[in-house]
Amino acid sequence: MTLKQLQHFLAVQRHASFTLAAREQSIAQPALSISIKNLERQLGVKLFLRHDRNVILSDEGKVLFSYAANIVQQLEDAQLAMSELKGLVKGEVRLGTPSMMGSYFFPDIIMAFKQRYPKLKLTVVDAGTQSIREMLLSAELDVGVILNQNVPPALETQLLLSSQMVAVFSPQHPLAKQALVNFEQFFENDLVMFKPGYFHRDFIDAACEAHNLSARFAFETNLLTMILKIVGQNFATTALLEIVTQNEDSVVGVPFNPAVHLDLALAWRKEGYLSIAERCFIDFVNEYMNSRGDTSL
């Protein structure tokens, strides 16, 4: 079993196609097929099964997958570490953040970081916290913002921000003038929500279950600007972090009764190699938050 065979195996698994995998690996498809057949012969098992027009992992292939992914990632981490010892800094941080944090929390931090480290590249990915967790575990992201609860053992976390979740209304909505709103009042309204997988949607689903209530989803979108427009025009209501309503005049945030607070954390892989750029970013966020006196890492 060779590293190249494992890379070929993982490529086929990613694309569910020998053709696409061969294109990614920059080899001819027959050569990739031979590589997989040789691996299957060496292991004495069949790794892939035909399913419609795609190929899927067999039960034996699923067992190999977890080992292969870890082996390849460990090697890539080792190569990066050795490169940095020679002064070849990776120079990129891949950050995953939900829309609310990406729009209202990180812009100033990212610009300040870029000013201090102009040669380092920041790639920001907008995704739900569940997706960010999975992308961190699969090494598609270096650092990400997740809910600081039920954290997988493979991830390291440090508290980033504690924020209140508030009901959000148009200024013309009758509940906008209340000091507090309970869940029964909130769920009497049509809602505009992110799709499942985003922490604000997870909060709504959990609240429905906890209080034995039903939600009326009139709109569903991951576009925060659209959500704010819909709420501002009084077509629906929603629930967002207080940081959003503090920065938007078109909507009004009303705390829930009882109050709802969420802890958001910066996370990265425990066993993964943190490059110089990634360490610089984590340290910089910590420094930036401390300088402002905010809840920090």
Protein backbone atom coordinates (compact mmCIF):
# COMPACT_ATOMS: atom_id res chain seq x y z
CA MET A 1 0.00 0.00 0.00
CA THR A 2 1.52 3.33 -1.09
CA LEU A 3 0.69 6.95 -0.36
CA LYS A 4 -0.17 7.50 -4.02
CA GLN A 5 -2.69 4.65 -3.91
CA LEU A 6 -4.33 6.18 -0.84
CA GLN A 7 -4.50 9.57 -2.56
CA HIS A 8 -6.13 7.92 -5.58
CA PHE A 9 -8.56 6.08 -3.29
CA LEU A 10 -9.56 9.31 -1.50
CA ALA A 11 -9.99 11.16 -4.79
CA VAL A 12 -12.44 8.54 -6.09
CA GLN A 13 -14.33 8.70 -2.78
CA ARG A 14 -14.58 12.51 -2.98
CA HIS A 15 -15.87 12.63 -6.53
CA ALA A 16 -17.75 9.30 -6.68
CA SER A 17 -16.20 9.06 -10.14
CA PHE A 18 -13.02 7.58 -11.60
CA THR A 19 -13.07 10.16 -14.39
CA LEU A 20 -13.24 13.19 -12.09
CA ALA A 21 -10.75 11.65 -9.67
CA ALA A 22 -8.26 11.05 -12.47
CA ARG A 23 -8.67 14.65 -13.61
CA GLU A 24 -7.99 15.91 -10.08
CA GLN A 25 -4.93 13.69 -9.73
CA SER A 26 -3.63 14.69 -13.20
CA ILE A 27 -3.34 11.11 -14.45
CA ALA A 28 -5.12 9.07 -17.10
CA GLN A 29 -8.26 7.26 -15.97
CA PRO A 30 -6.93 3.79 -16.89
CA ALA A 31 -3.85 4.44 -14.74
CA LEU A 32 -6.00 5.45 -11.79
CA SER A 33 -8.22 2.38 -12.24
CA ILE A 34 -5.16 0.15 -12.23
CA SER A 35 -3.91 1.86 -9.05
CA ILE A 36 -7.22 1.13 -7.29
CA LYS A 37 -7.32 -2.46 -8.56
CA ASN A 38 -3.77 -3.04 -7.29
CA LEU A 39 -4.75 -1.64 -3.89
CA GLU A 40 -7.81 -3.91 -3.77
CA ARG A 41 -5.68 -6.91 -4.73
CA GLN A 42 -3.11 -6.13 -2.03
CA LEU A 43 -5.82 -5.78 0.62
CA GLY A 44 -7.90 -8.69 -0.66
CA VAL A 45 -11.14 -6.67 -0.60
CA LYS A 46 -13.34 -4.66 -2.94
CA LEU A 47 -13.25 -0.97 -2.03
CA PHE A 48 -15.89 0.50 -4.36
CA LEU A 49 -19.32 -0.52 -5.63
CA ARG A 50 -21.15 0.75 -8.71
CA HIS A 51 -24.33 2.70 -7.86
CA ASP A 52 -26.26 4.14 -10.80
CA ARG A 53 -23.65 6.23 -12.61
CA ASN A 54 -21.50 6.77 -9.53
CA VAL A 55 -19.17 4.67 -7.46
CA ILE A 56 -19.61 4.42 -3.69
CA LEU A 57 -17.53 2.95 -0.90
CA SER A 58 -18.09 -0.67 0.02
CA ASP A 59 -18.23 -1.61 3.70
CA GLU A 60 -14.52 -2.47 3.51
CA GLY A 61 -13.85 0.84 1.75
CA LYS A 62 -15.57 2.74 4.56
CA VAL A 63 -13.20 1.14 7.07
CA LEU A 64 -10.16 2.08 5.00
CA PHE A 65 -11.42 5.62 4.43
CA SER A 66 -10.94 6.86 8.02
CA TYR A 67 -7.39 5.50 8.13
CA ALA A 68 -6.47 6.76 4.66
CA ALA A 69 -7.78 10.28 5.29
CA ASN A 70 -5.81 10.50 8.54
CA ILE A 71 -2.60 9.16 6.98
CA VAL A 72 -2.71 11.59 4.05
CA GLN A 73 -3.56 14.54 6.31
CA GLN A 74 -0.74 13.67 8.69
CA LEU A 75 1.71 13.59 5.81
CA GLU A 76 0.50 16.96 4.49
CA ASP A 77 0.88 18.42 7.98
CA ALA A 78 4.41 17.02 8.20
CA GLN A 79 5.32 18.48 4.81
CA LEU A 80 3.98 21.88 5.87
CA ALA A 81 5.93 21.75 9.14
CA MET A 82 9.15 20.91 7.32
CA SER A 83 8.58 23.67 4.79
CA GLU A 84 8.12 26.22 7.55
CA LEU A 85 11.35 25.10 9.18
CA LYS A 86 13.01 26.13 5.92
CA GLY A 87 11.28 29.49 6.04
CA LEU A 88 8.53 28.69 3.51
CA VAL A 89 5.52 29.99 5.45
CA LYS A 90 2.15 28.75 4.26
CA GLY A 91 0.84 32.30 4.29
CA GLU A 92 -2.88 31.51 4.30
CA VAL A 93 -5.60 31.10 6.91
CA ARG A 94 -8.90 29.48 5.94
CA LEU A 95 -11.54 30.78 8.35
CA GLY A 96 -15.09 29.44 8.55
CA THR A 97 -17.71 31.71 10.11
CA PRO A 98 -21.51 31.95 10.20
CA SER A 99 -23.07 34.94 8.41
CA MET A 100 -23.79 37.01 11.51
CA MET A 101 -20.23 36.72 12.81
CA GLY A 102 -18.77 37.23 9.35
CA SER A 103 -20.82 40.37 8.77
CA TYR A 104 -20.63 42.10 12.15
CA PHE A 105 -17.82 40.61 14.23
CA PHE A 106 -14.89 39.75 11.98
CA PRO A 107 -14.55 42.60 9.42
CA ASP A 108 -12.59 44.93 11.74
CA ILE A 109 -10.47 42.03 13.02
CA ILE A 110 -9.66 40.83 9.51
CA MET A 111 -8.69 44.30 8.29
CA ALA A 112 -6.51 44.90 11.35
CA PHE A 113 -4.87 41.49 10.90
CA LYS A 114 -4.18 42.20 7.23
CA GLN A 115 -2.64 45.55 8.13
CA ARG A 116 -0.21 43.87 10.51
CA TYR A 117 0.51 40.87 8.27
CA PRO A 118 0.07 42.17 4.69
CA LYS A 119 1.69 39.08 3.09
CA LEU A 120 -0.68 36.59 4.71
CA LYS A 121 -3.84 35.61 2.87
CA LEU A 122 -7.21 35.18 4.58
CA THR A 123 -9.91 33.07 2.95
CA VAL A 124 -13.27 33.47 4.70
CA VAL A 125 -15.95 30.80 4.17
CA ASP A 126 -19.59 31.51 5.12
CA ALA A 127 -21.25 28.36 6.48
CA GLY A 128 -23.39 27.01 9.29
CA THR A 129 -21.65 25.96 12.50
CA GLN A 130 -22.41 22.27 11.88
CA SER A 131 -20.82 22.46 8.43
CA ILE A 132 -17.86 24.36 9.87
CA ARG A 133 -17.29 21.60 12.41
CA GLU A 134 -17.22 19.00 9.64
CA MET A 135 -14.89 21.12 7.48
CA LEU A 136 -12.50 21.55 10.41
CA LEU A 137 -12.45 17.80 11.05
CA SER A 138 -11.77 17.10 7.36
CA ALA A 139 -9.07 19.83 7.23
CA GLU A 140 -10.97 21.87 4.64
CA LEU A 141 -10.75 24.79 7.10
CA ASP A 142 -7.92 25.77 9.44
CA VAL A 143 -9.92 27.78 11.99
CA GLY A 144 -13.68 28.14 12.43
CA VAL A 145 -16.41 29.58 14.62
CA ILE A 146 -18.67 26.98 16.23
CA LEU A 147 -21.08 26.74 19.14
CA ASN A 148 -19.12 25.94 22.28
CA GLN A 149 -21.22 22.91 23.18
CA ASN A 150 -21.05 19.21 22.31
CA VAL A 151 -17.66 19.87 20.74
CA PRO A 152 -16.08 16.82 19.03
CA PRO A 153 -13.04 15.51 20.96
CA ALA A 154 -10.84 16.09 17.90
CA LEU A 155 -11.33 19.87 18.09
CA GLU A 156 -9.62 22.41 20.32
CA THR A 157 -11.76 25.42 21.27
CA GLN A 158 -11.36 28.75 23.01
CA LEU A 159 -14.27 31.02 23.91
CA LEU A 160 -14.69 33.81 21.41
CA LEU A 161 -17.92 35.58 22.25
CA SER A 162 -20.94 35.26 24.53
CA SER A 163 -23.96 36.90 22.94
CA GLN A 164 -27.70 37.11 23.53
CA MET A 165 -30.12 35.78 20.96
CA VAL A 166 -33.01 38.22 20.48
CA ALA A 167 -36.32 38.25 18.65
CA VAL A 168 -36.12 40.62 15.68
CA PHE A 169 -39.05 42.69 14.44
CA SER A 170 -39.82 45.56 12.13
CA PRO A 171 -40.08 48.86 14.09
CA GLN A 172 -43.80 48.85 13.10
CA HIS A 173 -44.47 45.44 14.64
CA PRO A 174 -46.55 45.57 17.88
CA LEU A 175 -44.03 43.40 19.77
CA ALA A 176 -41.15 45.73 18.86
CA LYS A 177 -42.21 48.10 21.66
CA GLN A 178 -42.14 45.41 24.37
CA ALA A 179 -39.23 45.07 26.80
CA LEU A 180 -39.33 41.26 26.54
CA VAL A 181 -41.05 38.65 24.37
CA ASN A 182 -41.91 35.07 25.32
CA PHE A 183 -41.74 32.13 22.96
CA GLU A 184 -45.51 31.80 22.65
CA GLN A 185 -45.72 35.38 21.34
CA PHE A 186 -42.74 34.90 19.05
CA PHE A 187 -44.03 31.74 17.38
CA GLU A 188 -47.39 33.32 16.60
CA ASN A 189 -45.61 35.17 13.77
CA ASP A 190 -44.48 34.07 10.31
CA LEU A 191 -40.74 33.49 10.41
CA VAL A 192 -37.82 33.99 8.05
CA MET A 193 -34.97 31.65 8.97
CA PHE A 194 -31.63 30.31 7.89
CA LYS A 195 -31.64 26.75 6.64
CA PRO A 196 -30.92 23.85 9.06
CA GLY A 197 -27.27 23.64 10.13
CA TYR A 198 -26.95 27.30 11.13
CA PHE A 199 -26.94 27.91 14.88
CA HIS A 200 -29.77 30.46 14.71
CA ARG A 201 -32.00 27.85 13.00
CA ASP A 202 -30.89 25.17 15.46
CA PHE A 203 -31.92 27.50 18.29
CA ILE A 204 -35.41 27.94 16.80
CA ASP A 205 -35.88 24.19 16.29
CA ALA A 206 -34.73 23.49 19.86
CA ALA A 207 -37.06 26.18 21.27
CA CYS A 208 -40.03 24.66 19.44
CA GLU A 209 -39.29 21.24 20.89
CA ALA A 210 -38.62 22.52 24.41
CA HIS A 211 -41.84 24.56 24.59
CA ASN A 212 -44.01 22.21 22.50
CA LEU A 213 -44.65 24.91 19.91
CA SER A 214 -44.79 24.96 16.12
CA ALA A 215 -42.95 27.38 13.84
CA ARG A 216 -44.43 28.89 10.67
CA PHE A 217 -41.53 29.20 8.22
CA ALA A 218 -42.68 31.70 5.60
CA PHE A 219 -39.17 32.22 4.18
CA GLU A 220 -35.97 30.20 4.32
CA THR A 221 -32.65 31.68 3.16
CA ASN A 222 -29.00 31.86 4.21
CA LEU A 223 -28.71 35.44 2.92
CA LEU A 224 -28.57 37.68 5.99
CA THR A 225 -29.24 40.86 3.99
CA MET A 226 -32.43 39.29 2.63
CA ILE A 227 -33.55 38.26 6.12
CA LEU A 228 -33.06 41.83 7.37
CA LYS A 229 -34.96 43.25 4.38
CA ILE A 230 -37.90 40.88 4.89
CA VAL A 231 -38.08 41.65 8.62
CA GLY A 232 -37.61 45.38 8.10
CA GLN A 233 -40.56 45.42 5.67
CA ASN A 234 -42.67 43.58 8.29
CA PHE A 235 -43.22 40.48 6.14
CA ALA A 236 -41.88 38.15 8.87
CA THR A 237 -39.89 38.04 12.10
CA THR A 238 -36.72 36.19 13.03
CA ALA A 239 -34.18 35.62 15.81
CA LEU A 240 -30.58 36.83 15.53
CA LEU A 241 -27.58 37.63 17.70
CA GLU A 242 -27.88 40.96 19.49
CA ILE A 243 -24.75 42.14 17.67
CA VAL A 244 -26.83 42.34 14.47
CA THR A 245 -29.65 44.50 15.84
CA GLN A 246 -27.13 46.77 17.53
CA ASN A 247 -25.78 47.61 14.08
CA GLU A 248 -28.99 47.73 12.04
CA ASP A 249 -31.50 50.60 12.33
CA SER A 250 -34.08 48.90 10.08
CA VAL A 251 -34.98 46.26 12.71
CA VAL A 252 -35.55 46.07 16.46
CA GLY A 253 -34.16 43.39 18.78
CA VAL A 254 -36.24 42.33 21.80
CA PRO A 255 -34.75 39.92 24.39
CA PHE A 256 -36.52 36.64 25.00
CA ASN A 257 -38.07 35.79 28.34
CA PRO A 258 -36.34 33.71 29.57
CA ALA A 259 -33.14 35.15 28.13
CA VAL A 260 -31.12 33.08 25.67
CA HIS A 261 -27.33 33.35 25.61
CA LEU A 262 -24.99 31.51 23.24
CA ASP A 263 -21.27 30.87 23.58
CA LEU A 264 -19.35 30.92 20.30
CA ALA A 265 -15.83 29.57 20.13
CA LEU A 266 -12.88 29.63 17.77
CA ALA A 267 -11.94 26.03 16.95
CA TRP A 268 -9.21 24.06 15.20
CA ARG A 269 -8.05 20.44 15.00
CA LYS A 270 -6.21 19.17 18.09
CA GLU A 271 -3.98 16.79 16.18
CA GLY A 272 -3.57 19.02 13.13
CA TYR A 273 -0.47 21.05 12.50
CA LEU A 274 -1.04 24.77 13.04
CA SER A 275 1.01 26.79 10.59
CA ILE A 276 2.72 30.02 11.58
CA ALA A 277 -0.04 31.97 9.78
CA GLU A 278 -2.79 30.12 11.69
CA ARG A 279 -1.06 30.63 15.05
CA CYS A 280 -0.61 34.31 14.21
CA PHE A 281 -4.31 34.66 13.46
CA ILE A 282 -5.47 32.94 16.67
CA ASP A 283 -3.07 35.01 18.76
CA PHE A 284 -4.12 38.20 16.96
CA VAL A 285 -7.83 37.61 17.61
CA ASN A 286 -7.03 37.02 21.27
CA GLU A 287 -4.98 40.21 21.43
CA TYR A 288 -7.63 42.23 19.59
CA MET A 289 -10.44 41.09 21.88
CA ASN A 290 -8.39 41.76 25.01
CA SER A 291 -7.51 45.26 23.81
CA ARG A 292 -11.24 46.05 23.51
CA GLY A 293 -12.11 44.47 26.82
CA ASP A 294 -14.60 42.08 25.17
CA THR A 295 -15.31 38.45 26.07
CA SER A 296 -12.26 36.89 24.45
CA LEU A 297 -10.32 33.75 23.77
